[in-house]
PDB file of N, CA and C in Angstrom:
ATOM      1  N   MET A   1     -21.222  -1.428  -1.959  1.00  0.00           N
ATOM      2  CA  MET A   1     -21.322  -1.123  -0.685  1.00  0.00           C
ATOM      3  C   MET A   1     -20.566  -2.580   0.323  1.00  0.00           C
ATOM      4  N   THR A   2     -19.094  -1.654   0.980  1.00  0.00           N
ATOM      5  CA  THR A   2     -18.621  -2.886   1.877  1.00  0.00           C
ATOM      6  C   THR A   2     -19.170  -3.111   3.673  1.00  0.00           C
ATOM      7  N   PRO A   3     -19.201  -3.970   4.408  1.00  0.00           N
ATOM      8  CA  PRO A   3     -19.955  -3.727   5.432  1.00  0.00           C
ATOM      9  C   PRO A   3     -18.839  -3.095   5.991  1.00  0.00           C
ATOM     10  N   PRO A   4     -19.628  -3.042   7.348  1.00  0.00           N
ATOM     11  CA  PRO A   4     -19.068  -1.820   8.223  1.00  0.00           C
ATOM     12  C   PRO A   4     -17.882  -2.570   9.099  1.00  0.00           C
ATOM     13  N   THR A   5     -16.317  -2.119   9.368  1.00  0.00           N
ATOM     14  CA  THR A   5     -15.485  -2.855   9.635  1.00  0.00           C
ATOM     15  C   THR A   5     -15.136  -2.939  10.989  1.00  0.00           C
ATOM     16  N   CYS A   6     -15.458  -1.558  11.753  1.00  0.00           N
ATOM     17  CA  CYS A   6     -14.968  -1.354  12.484  1.00  0.00           C
ATOM     18  C   CYS A   6     -15.143  -2.573  13.650  1.00  0.00           C
ATOM     19  N   ARG A   7     -13.922  -2.214  14.438  1.00  0.00           N
ATOM     20  CA  ARG A   7     -14.064  -3.331  15.575  1.00  0.00           C
ATOM     21  C   ARG A   7     -14.604  -3.218  16.799  1.00  0.00           C
ATOM     22  N   PHE A   8     -14.490  -1.607  16.985  1.00  0.00           N
ATOM     23  CA  PHE A   8     -14.941  -0.916  18.182  1.00  0.00           C
ATOM     24  C   PHE A   8     -16.549  -0.451  18.105  1.00  0.00           C
ATOM     25  N   HIS A   9     -17.577  -0.619  19.368  1.00  0.00           N
ATOM     26  CA  HIS A   9     -18.765   0.032  19.357  1.00  0.00           C
ATOM     27  C   HIS A   9     -18.358   1.055  20.044  1.00  0.00           C
ATOM     28  N   PRO A  10     -19.376   2.668  20.199  1.00  0.00           N
ATOM     29  CA  PRO A  10     -19.375   3.063  18.822  1.00  0.00           C
ATOM     30  C   PRO A  10     -17.187   2.476  18.075  1.00  0.00           C
ATOM     31  N   THR A  11     -18.712   3.730  16.923  1.00  0.00           N
ATOM     32  CA  THR A  11     -17.424   3.398  15.789  1.00  0.00           C
ATOM     33  C   THR A  11     -16.756   4.592  16.584  1.00  0.00           C
ATOM     34  N   CYS A  12     -15.353   4.919  15.408  1.00  0.00           N
ATOM     35  CA  CYS A  12     -14.051   6.054  16.219  1.00  0.00           C
ATOM     36  C   CYS A  12     -15.153   7.410  15.593  1.00  0.00           C
ATOM     37  N   SER A  13     -15.720   7.194  14.797  1.00  0.00           N
ATOM     38  CA  SER A  13     -16.449   9.003  14.982  1.00  0.00           C
ATOM     39  C   SER A  13     -16.993   8.763  15.890  1.00  0.00           C
ATOM     40  N   SER A  14     -17.695   8.682  15.832  1.00  0.00           N
ATOM     41  CA  SER A  14     -19.089   8.294  16.998  1.00  0.00           C
ATOM     42  C   SER A  14     -18.281   8.788  17.957  1.00  0.00           C
ATOM     43  N   TYR A  15     -17.099   8.554  18.505  1.00  0.00           N
ATOM     44  CA  TYR A  15     -16.702   8.359  20.057  1.00  0.00           C
ATOM     45  C   TYR A  15     -15.937   9.400  19.896  1.00  0.00           C
ATOM     46  N   GLY A  16     -15.678   9.600  19.013  1.00  0.00           N
ATOM     47  CA  GLY A  16     -14.803  11.117  19.019  1.00  0.00           C
ATOM     48  C   GLY A  16     -15.675  12.201  18.564  1.00  0.00           C
ATOM     49  N   LEU A  17     -17.242  12.539  17.995  1.00  0.00           N
ATOM     50  CA  LEU A  17     -17.617  13.494  18.729  1.00  0.00           C
ATOM     51  C   LEU A  17     -18.087  14.087  20.221  1.00  0.00           C
ATOM     52  N   GLU A  18     -18.499  12.203  20.611  1.00  0.00           N
ATOM     53  CA  GLU A  18     -19.576  12.355  21.836  1.00  0.00           C
ATOM     54  C   GLU A  18     -18.015  12.625  22.945  1.00  0.00           C
ATOM     55  N   ALA A  19     -16.847  12.318  22.635  1.00  0.00           N
ATOM     56  CA  ALA A  19     -16.042  12.388  23.509  1.00  0.00           C
ATOM     57  C   ALA A  19     -15.774  13.830  23.223  1.00  0.00           C
ATOM     58  N   PHE A  20     -15.888  14.666  22.152  1.00  0.00           N
ATOM     59  CA  PHE A  20     -15.849  15.901  22.125  1.00  0.00           C
ATOM     60  C   PHE A  20     -16.788  17.274  22.978  1.00  0.00           C
ATOM     61  N   GLN A  21     -18.275  16.728  23.195  1.00  0.00           N
ATOM     62  CA  GLN A  21     -19.089  16.753  23.154  1.00  0.00           C
ATOM     63  C   GLN A  21     -19.566  16.908  25.567  1.00  0.00           C
ATOM     64  N   LYS A  22     -18.326  15.360  25.542  1.00  0.00           N
ATOM     65  CA  LYS A  22     -18.668  15.626  26.966  1.00  0.00           C
ATOM     66  C   LYS A  22     -17.584  16.195  27.430  1.00  0.00           C
ATOM     67  N   HIS A  23     -16.556  16.495  26.334  1.00  0.00           N
ATOM     68  CA  HIS A  23     -14.885  16.624  27.515  1.00  0.00           C
ATOM     69  C   HIS A  23     -14.352  17.488  27.107  1.00  0.00           C
ATOM     70  N   GLY A  24     -14.749  18.476  25.739  1.00  0.00           N
ATOM     71  CA  GLY A  24     -14.466  19.893  25.479  1.00  0.00           C
ATOM     72  C   GLY A  24     -13.123  19.111  23.951  1.00  0.00           C
ATOM     73  N   ALA A  25     -12.885  20.070  24.249  1.00  0.00           N
ATOM     74  CA  ALA A  25     -12.065  20.319  22.412  1.00  0.00           C
ATOM     75  C   ALA A  25     -10.364  19.307  23.048  1.00  0.00           C
ATOM     76  N   LEU A  26      -9.829  20.226  24.235  1.00  0.00           N
ATOM     77  CA  LEU A  26      -8.140  18.935  24.445  1.00  0.00           C
ATOM     78  C   LEU A  26      -8.721  18.402  25.144  1.00  0.00           C
ATOM     79  N   LYS A  27      -9.144  17.367  25.673  1.00  0.00           N
ATOM     80  CA  LYS A  27      -9.957  16.071  26.273  1.00  0.00           C
ATOM     81  C   LYS A  27     -10.488  15.654  25.123  1.00  0.00           C
ATOM     82  N   GLY A  28     -11.684  16.710  24.649  1.00  0.00           N
ATOM     83  CA  GLY A  28     -11.560  15.160  23.608  1.00  0.00           C
ATOM     84  C   GLY A  28     -10.353  14.688  22.517  1.00  0.00           C
ATOM     85  N   PHE A  29     -10.028  15.311  22.644  1.00  0.00           N
ATOM     86  CA  PHE A  29      -8.800  15.184  21.031  1.00  0.00           C
ATOM     87  C   PHE A  29      -7.673  13.991  21.726  1.00  0.00           C
ATOM     88  N   ILE A  30      -7.551  14.494  22.683  1.00  0.00           N
ATOM     89  CA  ILE A  30      -6.661  13.540  23.603  1.00  0.00           C
ATOM     90  C   ILE A  30      -7.614  12.002  23.652  1.00  0.00           C
ATOM     91  N   LEU A  31      -8.736  12.140  24.074  1.00  0.00           N
ATOM     92  CA  LEU A  31      -9.494  10.645  24.000  1.00  0.00           C
ATOM     93  C   LEU A  31      -9.303  10.016  22.687  1.00  0.00           C
ATOM     94  N   THR A  32     -10.036  10.378  22.069  1.00  0.00           N
ATOM     95  CA  THR A  32      -9.994  10.481  20.250  1.00  0.00           C
ATOM     96  C   THR A  32      -8.453   9.780  19.923  1.00  0.00           C
ATOM     97  N   ILE A  33      -7.125  10.787  19.817  1.00  0.00           N
ATOM     98  CA  ILE A  33      -6.364  10.208  19.013  1.00  0.00           C
ATOM     99  C   ILE A  33      -6.205   8.706  20.029  1.00  0.00           C
ATOM    100  N   THR A  34      -6.041   8.633  21.440  1.00  0.00           N
ATOM    101  CA  THR A  34      -5.924   7.308  22.391  1.00  0.00           C
ATOM    102  C   THR A  34      -6.893   6.246  21.959  1.00  0.00           C
ATOM    103  N   ARG A  35      -8.181   6.821  21.352  1.00  0.00           N
ATOM    104  CA  ARG A  35      -9.463   5.293  20.859  1.00  0.00           C
ATOM    105  C   ARG A  35      -8.671   4.954  19.187  1.00  0.00           C
ATOM    106  N   ILE A  36      -8.258   6.197  18.394  1.00  0.00           N
ATOM    107  CA  ILE A  36      -7.778   5.251  17.531  1.00  0.00           C
ATOM    108  C   ILE A  36      -6.570   4.708  17.769  1.00  0.00           C
ATOM    109  N   SER A  37      -4.770   5.361  17.925  1.00  0.00           N
ATOM    110  CA  SER A  37      -4.367   4.380  18.194  1.00  0.00           C
ATOM    111  C   SER A  37      -4.066   2.747  18.642  1.00  0.00           C
ATOM    112  N   LYS A  38      -5.513   2.539  19.526  1.00  0.00           N
ATOM    113  CA  LYS A  38      -6.229   1.206  19.866  1.00  0.00           C
ATOM    114  C   LYS A  38      -6.204   0.476  18.250  1.00  0.00           C
ATOM    115  N   CYS A  39      -6.698   0.882  17.345  1.00  0.00           N
ATOM    116  CA  CYS A  39      -7.073   0.706  16.155  1.00  0.00           C
ATOM    117  C   CYS A  39      -6.208  -0.089  15.197  1.00  0.00           C
ATOM    118  N   HIS A  40      -5.982  -1.207  15.756  1.00  0.00           N
ATOM    119  CA  HIS A  40      -5.111  -2.309  14.791  1.00  0.00           C
ATOM    120  C   HIS A  40      -5.215  -3.997  14.666  1.00  0.00           C
ATOM    121  N   PRO A  41      -4.844  -5.086  13.956  1.00  0.00           N
ATOM    122  CA  PRO A  41      -5.100  -6.074  13.961  1.00  0.00           C
ATOM    123  C   PRO A  41      -5.160  -6.965  15.373  1.00  0.00           C
ATOM    124  N   PHE A  42      -4.217  -6.730  16.337  1.00  0.00           N
ATOM    125  CA  PHE A  42      -4.274  -7.319  17.398  1.00  0.00           C
ATOM    126  C   PHE A  42      -4.523  -6.634  18.435  1.00  0.00           C
ATOM    127  N   HIS A  43      -5.903  -5.689  18.654  1.00  0.00           N
ATOM    128  CA  HIS A  43      -6.310  -5.358  19.736  1.00  0.00           C
ATOM    129  C   HIS A  43      -8.021  -5.973  19.277  1.00  0.00           C
ATOM    130  N   PRO A  44      -8.299  -6.711  20.662  1.00  0.00           N
ATOM    131  CA  PRO A  44      -9.137  -7.090  20.365  1.00  0.00           C
ATOM    132  C   PRO A  44     -10.662  -6.101  19.510  1.00  0.00           C
ATOM    133  N   GLY A  45     -10.650  -4.788  20.207  1.00  0.00           N
ATOM    134  CA  GLY A  45     -11.993  -4.217  19.774  1.00  0.00           C
ATOM    135  C   GLY A  45     -12.575  -4.185  20.827  1.00  0.00           C
ATOM    136  N   GLY A  46     -14.210  -4.624  20.810  1.00  0.00           N
ATOM    137  CA  GLY A  46     -15.208  -4.279  21.420  1.00  0.00           C
ATOM    138  C   GLY A  46     -16.012  -3.122  21.819  1.00  0.00           C
ATOM    139  N   PHE A  47     -16.737  -3.186  22.619  1.00  0.00           N
ATOM    140  CA  PHE A  47     -17.044  -2.576  23.963  1.00  0.00           C
ATOM    141  C   PHE A  47     -16.591  -0.988  24.797  1.00  0.00           C
ATOM    142  N   ASP A  48     -16.391  -0.133  23.768  1.00  0.00           N
ATOM    143  CA  ASP A  48     -15.513   0.719  24.314  1.00  0.00           C
ATOM    144  C   ASP A  48     -16.021   2.402  24.657  1.00  0.00           C
ATOM    145  N   PRO A  49     -17.118   2.891  25.873  1.00  0.00           N
ATOM    146  CA  PRO A  49     -17.562   3.742  25.921  1.00  0.00           C
ATOM    147  C   PRO A  49     -16.966   5.063  26.475  1.00  0.00           C
ATOM    148  N   VAL A  50     -17.168   6.387  25.441  1.00  0.00           N
ATOM    149  CA  VAL A  50     -16.134   7.651  26.690  1.00  0.00           C
ATOM    150  C   VAL A  50     -16.892   7.936  28.010  1.00  0.00           C
ATOM    151  N   PRO A  51     -15.692   7.742  28.613  1.00  0.00           N
ATOM    152  CA  PRO A  51     -15.792   8.244  29.962  1.00  0.00           C
ATOM    153  C   PRO A  51     -16.844   8.957  30.565  1.00  0.00           C
ATOM    154  N   GLU A  52     -17.645   9.067  31.566  1.00  0.00           N
ATOM    155  CA  GLU A  52     -18.026   9.750  31.719  1.00  0.00           C
ATOM    156  C   GLU A  52     -17.093  11.068  32.237  1.00  0.00           C
ATOM    157  N   LYS A  53     -16.869  10.393  33.366  1.00  0.00           N
ATOM    158  CA  LYS A  53     -15.214  11.683  34.108  1.00  0.00           C
ATOM    159  C   LYS A  53     -14.163  11.475  33.052  1.00  0.00           C
ATOM    160  N   TRP A  54     -13.143  12.353  33.160  1.00  0.00           N
ATOM    161  CA  TRP A  54     -12.013  12.484  32.924  1.00  0.00           C
ATOM    162  C   TRP A  54     -10.955  11.324  33.438  1.00  0.00           C
ATOM    163  N   PRO A  55     -10.217  10.901  32.929  1.00  0.00           N
ATOM    164  CA  PRO A  55      -9.487   9.506  33.912  1.00  0.00           C
ATOM    165  C   PRO A  55      -8.950   9.757  34.266  1.00  0.00           C
ATOM    166  N   SER A  56      -8.784   8.853  35.692  1.00  0.00           N
ATOM    167  CA  SER A  56      -7.303   9.863  36.811  1.00  0.00           C
ATOM    168  C   SER A  56      -6.700   8.866  36.922  1.00  0.00           C
ATOM    169  N   LYS A  57      -5.404   8.885  37.513  1.00  0.00           N
ATOM    170  CA  LYS A  57      -3.827   8.691  37.909  1.00  0.00           C
ATOM    171  C   LYS A  57      -4.705   7.552  38.503  1.00  0.00           C
ATOM    172  N   LYS A  58      -4.268   6.289  38.920  1.00  0.00           N
ATOM    173  CA  LYS A  58      -4.790   5.796  40.065  1.00  0.00           C
ATOM    174  C   LYS A  58      -2.693   5.511  40.452  1.00  0.00           C
ATOM    175  N   ASN A  59      -3.414   5.695  41.948  1.00  0.00           N
ATOM    176  CA  ASN A  59      -1.777   5.351  42.745  1.00  0.00           C
ATOM    177  C   ASN A  59      -1.253   3.944  43.645  1.00  0.00           C
TER     178      ASN A  59
END
């Protein structure tokens, strides 16, 4: 077995499940894809929870 290598907490799979549960299929899908797009060697990772409310645009 290899040690966990995910740079985020919670892992992307846990994040995706929680996003779908909190925000439904469409918004959960968008949040999950956005999170997965951050998974590359140049992103520092760290703690990145699912937002409680849908992110709104800032004016």
